[in-house]
Amino acid sequence: MKNMVVIPTYNEKENAEAMARAVLDVLPEDSGILFVDDNSPDGTGKIVDELAQKDPRIRVLHRERKEGLGRAYIAGFKRALELGAERIVEMDCDFSHPVQSLPALIKSDADVTIGSRYVRGGKCVGWPFKRWLVSRLGGLYIRFMTGLPVKDPTGGFKAFRREVLAGFDWGKVKSMGYSFQLEMNYLMWKAGATIREVPIVFTERRAGKSKITPQIARETLAIVRGLSRFRRK
């Protein structure tokens, strides 16, 4: 398949089927979905298996246990490369990332194309002001500390050209959780990849529970300190 959308799942039974249908509806026929399920106790794994039996464009990678979003994406990227995908997209299963923006991501000629909340035309819907402010200030802090020239450095809705992932040294990635997003953006930038941001409307999840925890916030701060341009000096 030319385009593969990698979607990690953990307890997403309320979203998985609708997400699969929505994604496949907006993408060309030579595109598919790879669900990466971390042995969800709510039965998500069984649901996506049933979807895969009905539609050959849907694939499933089962992992024995939950090891964090970053590890799930790495496993998914490797499988997508094995399947021959030329453009690999990462996105959440909770409808916070706008499915209708997928065509713009896969049509971009950049090495990495980020669906951005903070470029002109992008925005967040359904967030209280405090959450938006924390996210915005956090992004500015990351940019200041690392020098990363990306307005939405923690953006997790993005597409990669096959070449930049096929030659990537996965041993450089330290993140287990959501900080994987900013670390990958940073490592791609340092490797010389071309990065483009396209505006998206980010929406609060439709169903299920958020996976954000205080531990994730602590890991993010630790990763930022490790990548700090001031520390490198």
Protein backbone atom coordinates (compact mmCIF):
# COMPACT_ATOMS: atom_id res chain seq x y z
CA MET A 1 0.00 0.00 0.00
CA LYS A 2 1.32 3.41 -0.94
CA ASN A 3 0.04 5.17 2.17
CA MET A 4 -0.24 3.58 5.61
CA VAL A 5 -1.91 5.26 8.59
CA VAL A 6 -0.49 3.93 11.86
CA ILE A 7 -2.98 4.16 14.74
CA PRO A 8 -1.98 2.91 18.21
CA THR A 9 -4.88 1.69 20.32
CA TYR A 10 -5.34 1.01 24.01
CA ASN A 11 -8.94 0.79 25.22
CA GLU A 12 -10.41 2.46 22.14
CA LYS A 13 -13.36 0.13 21.52
CA GLU A 14 -15.71 3.11 21.27
CA ASN A 15 -13.69 4.70 18.47
CA ALA A 16 -11.86 2.01 16.48
CA GLU A 17 -14.54 0.98 13.97
CA ALA A 18 -15.71 4.53 13.28
CA MET A 19 -12.11 5.67 12.91
CA ALA A 20 -11.32 2.93 10.39
CA ARG A 21 -14.36 3.80 8.32
CA ALA A 22 -13.62 7.54 8.41
CA VAL A 23 -9.96 7.15 7.44
CA LEU A 24 -10.59 4.80 4.54
CA ASP A 25 -13.36 7.05 3.24
CA VAL A 26 -11.00 9.99 2.66
CA LEU A 27 -7.94 8.15 1.34
CA PRO A 28 -7.27 6.68 -2.12
CA GLU A 29 -7.63 2.93 -2.69
CA ASP A 30 -3.89 2.35 -2.45
CA SER A 31 -3.97 3.33 1.24
CA GLY A 32 -4.46 1.35 4.40
CA ILE A 33 -4.57 1.41 8.19
CA LEU A 34 -2.29 -0.35 10.63
CA PHE A 35 -3.76 -0.62 14.12
CA VAL A 36 -1.15 -1.23 16.81
CA ASP A 37 -2.98 -2.66 19.82
CA ASP A 38 -1.26 -3.00 23.17
CA ASN A 39 -3.41 -5.89 24.44
CA SER A 40 -6.31 -3.58 25.34
CA PRO A 41 -8.34 -5.05 28.21
CA ASP A 42 -11.56 -3.60 26.77
CA GLY A 43 -11.42 -5.85 23.70
CA THR A 44 -10.19 -3.31 21.16
CA GLY A 45 -7.82 -5.91 19.73
CA LYS A 46 -10.69 -8.26 18.86
CA ILE A 47 -12.64 -5.42 17.24
CA VAL A 48 -9.78 -4.40 14.94
CA ASP A 49 -9.10 -8.04 14.07
CA GLU A 50 -12.70 -8.38 12.92
CA LEU A 51 -12.34 -5.21 10.85
CA ALA A 52 -9.18 -6.60 9.24
CA GLN A 53 -10.96 -9.83 8.31
CA LYS A 54 -13.57 -7.82 6.41
CA ASP A 55 -11.27 -5.34 4.68
CA PRO A 56 -7.78 -6.15 3.31
CA ARG A 57 -6.78 -2.49 3.66
CA ILE A 58 -6.83 -2.89 7.44
CA ARG A 59 -3.90 -4.56 9.21
CA VAL A 60 -3.34 -5.23 12.90
CA LEU A 61 -0.16 -5.50 14.93
CA HIS A 62 -0.68 -6.97 18.40
CA ARG A 63 1.76 -6.25 21.20
CA GLU A 64 1.83 -8.18 24.47
CA ARG A 65 1.59 -5.21 26.81
CA LYS A 66 1.35 -1.46 27.03
CA GLU A 67 4.83 0.08 26.76
CA GLY A 68 3.95 3.65 25.87
CA LEU A 69 2.85 5.55 22.79
CA GLY A 70 6.37 6.00 21.50
CA ARG A 71 7.16 2.29 21.47
CA ALA A 72 3.83 1.54 19.81
CA TYR A 73 4.58 4.00 17.01
CA ILE A 74 8.08 2.64 16.46
CA ALA A 75 6.70 -0.89 16.14
CA GLY A 76 4.03 0.40 13.77
CA PHE A 77 6.50 2.32 11.64
CA LYS A 78 8.72 -0.72 11.25
CA ARG A 79 5.79 -2.89 10.18
CA ALA A 80 4.56 -0.23 7.74
CA LEU A 81 8.02 -0.15 6.17
CA GLU A 82 7.97 -3.94 5.87
CA LEU A 83 4.62 -3.64 4.07
CA GLY A 84 6.22 -1.29 1.55
CA ALA A 85 4.46 1.96 2.45
CA GLU A 86 5.89 5.05 0.78
CA ARG A 87 4.11 7.55 3.04
CA ILE A 88 3.51 6.69 6.69
CA VAL A 89 1.07 8.70 8.79
CA GLU A 90 0.68 8.69 12.54
CA MET A 91 -2.57 9.71 14.20
CA ASP A 92 -4.64 9.11 17.31
CA CYS A 93 -7.73 6.91 17.42
CA ASP A 94 -9.88 9.38 19.36
CA PHE A 95 -10.89 11.75 16.52
CA SER A 96 -8.88 14.62 17.97
CA HIS A 97 -6.91 14.63 14.72
CA PRO A 98 -9.14 15.70 11.79
CA VAL A 99 -9.54 12.83 9.35
CA GLN A 100 -10.39 15.28 6.56
CA SER A 101 -6.83 16.65 6.74
CA LEU A 102 -5.24 13.30 5.84
CA PRO A 103 -5.13 13.98 2.07
CA ALA A 104 -3.14 17.18 2.65
CA LEU A 105 -0.59 15.29 4.75
CA ILE A 106 0.03 12.52 2.24
CA LYS A 107 0.19 14.89 -0.75
CA SER A 108 2.92 17.06 0.80
CA ASP A 109 6.39 16.72 -0.70
CA ALA A 110 8.15 17.45 2.61
CA ASP A 111 10.04 14.71 4.44
CA VAL A 112 7.89 15.33 7.51
CA THR A 113 4.52 17.08 7.38
CA ILE A 114 2.96 18.07 10.69
CA GLY A 115 -0.71 18.80 11.23
CA SER A 116 -0.29 21.98 13.28
CA ARG A 117 -2.64 23.64 15.75
CA TYR A 118 -0.54 26.78 15.94
CA VAL A 119 0.10 27.94 12.40
CA ARG A 120 -2.28 30.32 10.63
CA GLY A 121 -5.58 28.53 10.09
CA GLY A 122 -5.01 25.99 12.84
CA LYS A 123 -6.84 25.90 16.17
CA CYS A 124 -8.06 23.80 19.08
CA VAL A 125 -11.77 23.16 19.66
CA GLY A 126 -13.30 22.04 22.94
CA TRP A 127 -10.35 22.90 25.15
CA PRO A 128 -10.71 25.15 28.20
CA PHE A 129 -8.51 28.22 28.03
CA LYS A 130 -6.16 26.90 30.74
CA ARG A 131 -5.38 23.73 28.78
CA TRP A 132 -4.80 25.70 25.60
CA LEU A 133 -2.50 28.11 27.45
CA VAL A 134 -0.46 25.28 28.99
CA SER A 135 -0.07 23.68 25.57
CA ARG A 136 0.87 26.95 23.89
CA LEU A 137 3.38 27.99 26.54
CA GLY A 138 4.79 24.48 26.63
CA GLY A 139 5.41 24.63 22.89
CA LEU A 140 7.14 28.00 23.18
CA TYR A 141 9.32 26.62 25.99
CA ILE A 142 10.31 23.61 23.87
CA ARG A 143 11.21 25.84 20.93
CA PHE A 144 13.28 28.13 23.15
CA MET A 145 15.14 25.29 24.86
CA THR A 146 15.86 23.21 21.76
CA GLY A 147 15.86 25.67 18.87
CA LEU A 148 13.37 23.47 17.01
CA PRO A 149 11.78 25.70 14.32
CA VAL A 150 8.32 24.14 14.59
CA LYS A 151 5.32 26.06 15.92
CA ASP A 152 3.58 22.91 17.17
CA PRO A 153 6.54 20.85 18.43
CA THR A 154 4.38 18.31 20.26
CA GLY A 155 2.13 17.73 17.25
CA GLY A 156 1.35 14.04 16.83
CA PHE A 157 -0.59 14.08 13.55
CA LYS A 158 2.01 13.86 10.82
CA ALA A 159 3.24 12.08 7.73
CA PHE A 160 6.74 10.78 6.97
CA ARG A 161 8.31 9.94 3.65
CA ARG A 162 9.53 6.36 3.61
CA GLU A 163 13.15 7.40 3.10
CA VAL A 164 13.46 9.33 6.37
CA LEU A 165 12.14 6.43 8.45
CA ALA A 166 13.88 3.61 6.59
CA GLY A 167 17.31 5.02 7.38
CA PHE A 168 16.50 6.24 10.88
CA ASP A 169 18.48 5.06 13.93
CA TRP A 170 15.72 4.08 16.36
CA GLY A 171 18.26 3.66 19.13
CA LYS A 172 18.37 7.47 19.41
CA VAL A 173 14.78 7.63 20.66
CA LYS A 174 14.54 7.83 24.44
CA SER A 175 10.84 8.57 24.84
CA MET A 176 8.33 5.97 25.90
CA GLY A 177 5.19 8.13 25.97
CA TYR A 178 3.81 11.28 24.40
CA SER A 179 7.17 13.05 24.43
CA PHE A 180 7.95 10.79 21.47
CA GLN A 181 6.20 13.39 19.34
CA LEU A 182 8.52 16.27 20.15
CA GLU A 183 11.60 14.05 20.19
CA MET A 184 10.89 12.71 16.71
CA ASN A 185 10.29 16.22 15.39
CA TYR A 186 13.59 17.29 16.90
CA LEU A 187 15.58 14.27 15.65
CA MET A 188 14.17 14.62 12.15
CA TRP A 189 15.11 18.30 12.10
CA LYS A 190 18.65 17.58 13.33
CA ALA A 191 18.99 14.88 10.66
CA GLY A 192 18.26 17.49 8.00
CA ALA A 193 14.75 16.40 7.07
CA THR A 194 12.51 19.01 5.47
CA ILE A 195 9.58 19.81 7.79
CA ARG A 196 6.34 21.50 6.83
CA GLU A 197 3.40 22.44 9.03
CA VAL A 198 -0.14 22.48 7.66
CA PRO A 199 -3.05 23.87 9.68
CA ILE A 200 -5.51 21.53 11.38
CA VAL A 201 -8.46 21.94 13.70
CA PHE A 202 -7.68 19.82 16.75
CA THR A 203 -10.78 18.63 18.64
CA GLU A 204 -11.20 17.10 22.09
CA ARG A 205 -11.63 13.31 21.92
CA ARG A 206 -15.13 12.02 21.15
CA ALA A 207 -15.19 9.04 23.52
CA GLY A 208 -13.01 7.16 25.97
CA LYS A 209 -10.54 8.52 28.48
CA SER A 210 -7.47 10.67 27.95
CA LYS A 211 -4.13 8.87 28.38
CA ILE A 212 -2.30 11.99 29.64
CA THR A 213 -0.84 11.52 33.13
CA PRO A 214 1.56 13.45 35.42
CA GLN A 215 4.22 10.86 34.57
CA ILE A 216 3.92 11.79 30.90
CA ALA A 217 4.43 15.46 31.76
CA ARG A 218 7.54 14.61 33.79
CA GLU A 219 8.97 12.54 30.95
CA THR A 220 8.38 15.41 28.53
CA LEU A 221 10.28 17.84 30.74
CA ALA A 222 13.15 15.36 31.06
CA ILE A 223 13.34 14.91 27.28
CA VAL A 224 13.34 18.67 26.71
CA ARG A 225 16.19 19.11 29.20
CA GLY A 226 18.12 16.36 27.43
CA LEU A 227 17.67 18.04 24.05
CA SER A 228 18.36 21.53 25.35
CA ARG A 229 20.68 23.58 23.15
CA PHE A 230 22.04 25.23 26.29
CA ARG A 231 23.09 21.89 27.72
CA ARG A 232 24.79 21.01 24.42
CA LYS A 233 26.90 24.13 24.76
